[in-house]
Each structure stands twice: as structure tokens, then as C-alpha cells.
C-alpha atoms as a PDB file:
ATOM      1  CA  MET A   1      55.118  53.614 137.884  1.00  0.00           C
ATOM      2  CA  ALA A   2      58.228  54.729 136.494  1.00  0.00           C
ATOM      3  CA  ARG A   3      56.840  56.724 134.272  1.00  0.00           C
ATOM      4  CA  GLU A   4      54.932  58.447 137.212  1.00  0.00           C
ATOM      5  CA  LEU A   5      57.606  59.281 138.949  1.00  0.00           C
ATOM      6  CA  GLU A   6      59.548  60.210 135.338  1.00  0.00           C
ATOM      7  CA  ASN A   7      56.389  62.776 134.593  1.00  0.00           C
ATOM      8  CA  ALA A   8      56.436  64.383 138.352  1.00  0.00           C
ATOM      9  CA  VAL A   9      60.585  64.874 138.349  1.00  0.00           C
ATOM     10  CA  GLU A  10      59.921  66.895 134.952  1.00  0.00           C
ATOM     11  CA  ARG A  11      56.843  69.152 136.806  1.00  0.00           C
ATOM     12  CA  ARG A  12      57.837  72.940 137.475  1.00  0.00           C
ATOM     13  CA  MET A  13      56.788  74.611 140.559  1.00  0.00           C
ATOM     14  CA  ALA A  14      56.156  77.597 141.715  1.00  0.00           C
ATOM     15  CA  VAL A  15      55.746  77.504 145.660  1.00  0.00           C
ATOM     16  CA  LEU A  16      54.194  80.511 147.592  1.00  0.00           C
ATOM     17  CA  PHE A  17      54.290  80.861 151.632  1.00  0.00           C
ATOM     18  CA  ASP A  18      51.689  82.901 153.190  1.00  0.00           C
ATOM     19  CA  PHE A  19      54.146  83.660 156.002  1.00  0.00           C
ATOM     20  CA  GLU A  20      51.559  86.187 158.033  1.00  0.00           C
ATOM     21  CA  ASN A  21      49.080  83.407 157.933  1.00  0.00           C
ATOM     22  CA  LEU A  22      52.225  80.387 159.032  1.00  0.00           C
ATOM     23  CA  ALA A  23      53.101  82.881 161.973  1.00  0.00           C
ATOM     24  CA  VAL A  24      49.927  81.908 163.917  1.00  0.00           C
ATOM     25  CA  GLY A  25      51.069  78.389 163.939  1.00  0.00           C
ATOM     26  CA  PHE A  26      54.721  79.363 165.278  1.00  0.00           C
ATOM     27  CA  ARG A  27      52.966  81.572 168.153  1.00  0.00           C
ATOM     28  CA  ALA A  28      50.465  78.960 169.036  1.00  0.00           C
ATOM     29  CA  GLY A  29      53.140  76.069 168.720  1.00  0.00           C
ATOM     30  CA  LYS A  30      55.895  75.010 170.810  1.00  0.00           C
ATOM     31  CA  LYS A  31      59.516  75.641 169.589  1.00  0.00           C
ATOM     32  CA  LYS A  32      59.871  71.879 168.064  1.00  0.00           C
ATOM     33  CA  ASP A  33      57.401  73.330 165.508  1.00  0.00           C
ATOM     34  CA  ARG A  34      59.500  75.422 164.062  1.00  0.00           C
ATOM     35  CA  LEU A  35      58.416  75.641 160.265  1.00  0.00           C
ATOM     36  CA  ASP A  36      61.432  73.504 158.870  1.00  0.00           C
ATOM     37  CA  ILE A  37      61.811  75.086 155.520  1.00  0.00           C
ATOM     38  CA  HIS A  38      64.633  72.970 153.801  1.00  0.00           C
ATOM     39  CA  ARG A  39      62.215  69.695 154.691  1.00  0.00           C
ATOM     40  CA  ILE A  40      59.419  71.052 152.771  1.00  0.00           C
ATOM     41  CA  LEU A  41      61.528  71.531 149.577  1.00  0.00           C
ATOM     42  CA  GLU A  42      62.871  68.385 149.924  1.00  0.00           C
ATOM     43  CA  ARG A  43      59.831  67.062 149.892  1.00  0.00           C
ATOM     44  CA  LEU A  44      58.651  69.126 146.990  1.00  0.00           C
ATOM     45  CA  LEU A  45      61.535  68.252 145.048  1.00  0.00           C
ATOM     46  CA  GLU A  46      59.480  64.345 145.293  1.00  0.00           C
ATOM     47  CA  LYS A  47      56.841  66.447 142.980  1.00  0.00           C
ATOM     48  CA  GLY A  48      58.544  68.507 140.390  1.00  0.00           C
ATOM     49  CA  LYS A  49      61.287  71.251 139.975  1.00  0.00           C
ATOM     50  CA  ILE A  50      60.957  74.125 141.897  1.00  0.00           C
ATOM     51  CA  ILE A  51      61.218  77.491 139.373  1.00  0.00           C
ATOM     52  CA  VAL A  52      59.744  79.820 141.673  1.00  0.00           C
ATOM     53  CA  LYS A  53      60.136  80.350 145.863  1.00  0.00           C
ATOM     54  CA  ARG A  54      58.276  83.296 147.162  1.00  0.00           C
ATOM     55  CA  ALA A  55      57.655  84.226 150.801  1.00  0.00           C
ATOM     56  CA  TYR A  56      54.951  86.693 152.013  1.00  0.00           C
ATOM     57  CA  SER A  57      55.362  88.731 155.180  1.00  0.00           C
ATOM     58  CA  ASP A  58      56.076  91.940 157.464  1.00  0.00           C
ATOM     59  CA  TRP A  59      59.778  90.499 157.842  1.00  0.00           C
ATOM     60  CA  THR A  60      60.323  93.266 160.956  1.00  0.00           C
ATOM     61  CA  HIS A  61      59.065  90.692 162.687  1.00  0.00           C
ATOM     62  CA  TRP A  62      60.532  87.398 161.372  1.00  0.00           C
ATOM     63  CA  ASP A  63      64.181  88.627 161.687  1.00  0.00           C
ATOM     64  CA  ASP A  64      65.092  84.920 163.228  1.00  0.00           C
ATOM     65  CA  PHE A  65      63.421  82.908 160.044  1.00  0.00           C
ATOM     66  CA  LYS A  66      65.453  85.773 157.299  1.00  0.00           C
ATOM     67  CA  ASN A  67      68.775  83.834 156.989  1.00  0.00           C
ATOM     68  CA  GLU A  68      66.991  80.552 156.708  1.00  0.00           C
ATOM     69  CA  MET A  69      64.752  81.502 154.031  1.00  0.00           C
ATOM     70  CA  HIS A  70      67.809  82.948 152.292  1.00  0.00           C
ATOM     71  CA  GLU A  71      69.674  80.523 152.682  1.00  0.00           C
ATOM     72  CA  ALA A  72      66.975  78.022 151.093  1.00  0.00           C
ATOM     73  CA  GLY A  73      66.788  80.393 148.335  1.00  0.00           C
ATOM     74  CA  LEU A  74      63.092  81.919 148.695  1.00  0.00           C
ATOM     75  CA  GLU A  75      62.979  85.877 147.464  1.00  0.00           C
ATOM     76  CA  LEU A  76      61.586  87.172 150.368  1.00  0.00           C
ATOM     77  CA  ILE A  77      58.629  89.761 149.273  1.00  0.00           C
ATOM     78  CA  GLU A  78      58.251  91.952 152.207  1.00  0.00           C
ATOM     79  CA  ILE A  79      54.317  93.145 153.185  1.00  0.00           C
ATOM     80  CA  PRO A  80      54.060  96.633 154.916  1.00  0.00           C
ATOM     81  CA  LYS A  81      52.609  96.440 158.177  1.00  0.00           C
ATOM     82  CA  ARG A  82      49.293  95.618 158.716  1.00  0.00           C
ATOM     83  CA  ALA A  83      47.796  98.905 160.576  1.00  0.00           C
ATOM     84  CA  ILE A  84      48.694 100.629 157.211  1.00  0.00           C
ATOM     85  CA  THR A  85      47.811  98.216 155.020  1.00  0.00           C
ATOM     86  CA  GLY A  86      45.101  96.188 156.543  1.00  0.00           C
ATOM     87  CA  LYS A  87      44.888  92.058 157.434  1.00  0.00           C
ATOM     88  CA  ASN A  88      45.084  90.807 154.079  1.00  0.00           C
ATOM     89  CA  SER A  89      47.958  92.295 152.053  1.00  0.00           C
ATOM     90  CA  ALA A  90      50.120  89.075 152.214  1.00  0.00           C
ATOM     91  CA  ASP A  91      47.041  86.860 150.917  1.00  0.00           C
ATOM     92  CA  MET A  92      46.649  89.842 148.079  1.00  0.00           C
ATOM     93  CA  ARG A  93      49.972  90.345 146.670  1.00  0.00           C
ATOM     94  CA  LEU A  94      50.551  86.166 147.260  1.00  0.00           C
ATOM     95  CA  CYS A  95      46.914  86.298 144.576  1.00  0.00           C
ATOM     96  CA  VAL A  96      48.154  88.374 142.033  1.00  0.00           C
ATOM     97  CA  ASP A  97      51.599  86.817 141.547  1.00  0.00           C
ATOM     98  CA  ALA A  98      50.150  83.376 141.441  1.00  0.00           C
ATOM     99  CA  MET A  99      47.727  84.724 138.748  1.00  0.00           C
ATOM    100  CA  ASP A 100      51.131  86.963 137.322  1.00  0.00           C
ATOM    101  CA  LEU A 101      53.110  83.494 136.740  1.00  0.00           C
ATOM    102  CA  CYS A 102      50.045  81.435 135.703  1.00  0.00           C
ATOM    103  CA  TYR A 103      49.717  83.322 132.866  1.00  0.00           C
ATOM    104  CA  SER A 104      53.432  85.374 132.186  1.00  0.00           C
ATOM    105  CA  LYS A 105      55.306  81.776 133.149  1.00  0.00           C
ATOM    106  CA  PRO A 106      52.753  78.772 131.318  1.00  0.00           C
ATOM    107  CA  HIS A 107      56.109  76.560 131.718  1.00  0.00           C
ATOM    108  CA  ILE A 108      54.961  76.270 135.637  1.00  0.00           C
ATOM    109  CA  GLU A 109      52.875  73.226 135.734  1.00  0.00           C
ATOM    110  CA  THR A 110      52.320  73.334 140.094  1.00  0.00           C
ATOM    111  CA  PHE A 111      51.504  75.686 142.242  1.00  0.00           C
ATOM    112  CA  VAL A 112      52.079  75.208 145.749  1.00  0.00           C
ATOM    113  CA  ILE A 113      50.581  77.151 148.673  1.00  0.00           C
ATOM    114  CA  VAL A 114      52.217  76.801 152.139  1.00  0.00           C
ATOM    115  CA  SER A 115      49.088  78.492 154.459  1.00  0.00           C
ATOM    116  CA  GLY A 116      46.536  77.667 156.452  1.00  0.00           C
ATOM    117  CA  ASP A 117      43.963  79.984 155.052  1.00  0.00           C
ATOM    118  CA  SER A 118      41.074  79.303 153.435  1.00  0.00           C
ATOM    119  CA  ASP A 119      40.861  82.706 151.426  1.00  0.00           C
ATOM    120  CA  PHE A 120      42.952  80.464 148.886  1.00  0.00           C
ATOM    121  CA  SER A 121      39.995  78.558 148.043  1.00  0.00           C
ATOM    122  CA  PRO A 122      38.613  81.207 144.798  1.00  0.00           C
ATOM    123  CA  LEU A 123      42.804  81.738 143.947  1.00  0.00           C
ATOM    124  CA  VAL A 124      43.149  77.541 143.716  1.00  0.00           C
ATOM    125  CA  SER A 125      39.744  76.972 141.706  1.00  0.00           C
ATOM    126  CA  LYS A 126      41.004  79.652 138.825  1.00  0.00           C
ATOM    127  CA  LEU A 127      44.556  78.130 138.993  1.00  0.00           C
ATOM    128  CA  LYS A 128      42.397  74.343 138.235  1.00  0.00           C
ATOM    129  CA  ALA A 129      40.504  76.215 135.365  1.00  0.00           C
ATOM    130  CA  ASN A 130      43.707  77.347 133.934  1.00  0.00           C
ATOM    131  CA  GLY A 131      45.243  73.772 133.843  1.00  0.00           C
ATOM    132  CA  LYS A 132      46.983  73.996 136.880  1.00  0.00           C
ATOM    133  CA  ARG A 133      47.696  71.605 139.339  1.00  0.00           C
ATOM    134  CA  VAL A 134      47.472  73.131 143.309  1.00  0.00           C
ATOM    135  CA  ILE A 135      49.291  71.678 146.393  1.00  0.00           C
ATOM    136  CA  GLY A 136      48.445  73.048 149.560  1.00  0.00           C
ATOM    137  CA  LEU A 137      50.756  72.402 152.439  1.00  0.00           C
ATOM    138  CA  GLY A 138      49.655  74.041 156.345  1.00  0.00           C
ATOM    139  CA  MET A 139      50.811  73.866 160.055  1.00  0.00           C
ATOM    140  CA  LYS A 140      47.842  72.134 162.492  1.00  0.00           C
ATOM    141  CA  GLU A 141      48.022  75.360 164.536  1.00  0.00           C
ATOM    142  CA  SER A 142      47.290  77.983 161.885  1.00  0.00           C
ATOM    143  CA  THR A 143      45.035  76.182 159.788  1.00  0.00           C
ATOM    144  CA  SER A 144      41.282  76.888 158.926  1.00  0.00           C
END
């Protein structure tokens, strides 16, 4: 048991937030259902050390979340308006970044995808095929 806990602390993780998808839950949920980024990150620290923290969205719509995300140390990846780029721009950028991290940073052993979108199933399969551990998190109101 102690060895298992020791191994968890040694694990290095990348945490990637599909904020565009999570926003569906914010709109559907009540104010008390607001995303608690600090709580999520605290729980993940039980699983290992977080090396990369990124969130993908059109941040012009989420000014009230920007400070909280910056305070938590997340890199905010700006995704242009959906009308310009199409529905899945955040998804595609997250997938490309995850695969880039998989190949360029072999010391990252665990990928955490915070979303509710089943579009990430092929990404999960590819990461696992490359020997990576994958954890998925989502909000009840935005999980498909």
C-alpha cells in the first residue's frame, strides 16, 4: 500500500481542460455547480505531480473564469470563435497538444482530460497504446 502511494506521487501528469465542452454544464447547472478548479487540481495531486495545465476555449465569453484559471497556474489556450473555426476547434487543439506532449515529453506518464465529450475516445486509445495512463473527468450536465 505504501509503495502504491509512493508511485502515485512520482507520476507526472498533463491536465487538459476542454473548457468549451464544460461550459455546457455551467449553462445547464446552477450557480453552486460552478467548476471548482482548485478542488480538481488538489485531488489530482493525490495521483501525482502536475507538469502541464492547459484550458482550451474562446476566452472572450468566460472573463469571470480567467482570473481563477490564471491563479491555478493554467495556460489559457485561445480558440477563435466557433463561427470562424467550427464546432470542434477546442477538441482538435487539445488532441494535437496531447499527442505532441505524448511524443515530445516521454516523462509525462498520465494524461487527465477534463471534458464531457465522447469525441476524445480515439485520443484515449492512442495515448494508452503509447503506454500512457488516462484519467477522464467531467461535469454531470455536460457529459455525453
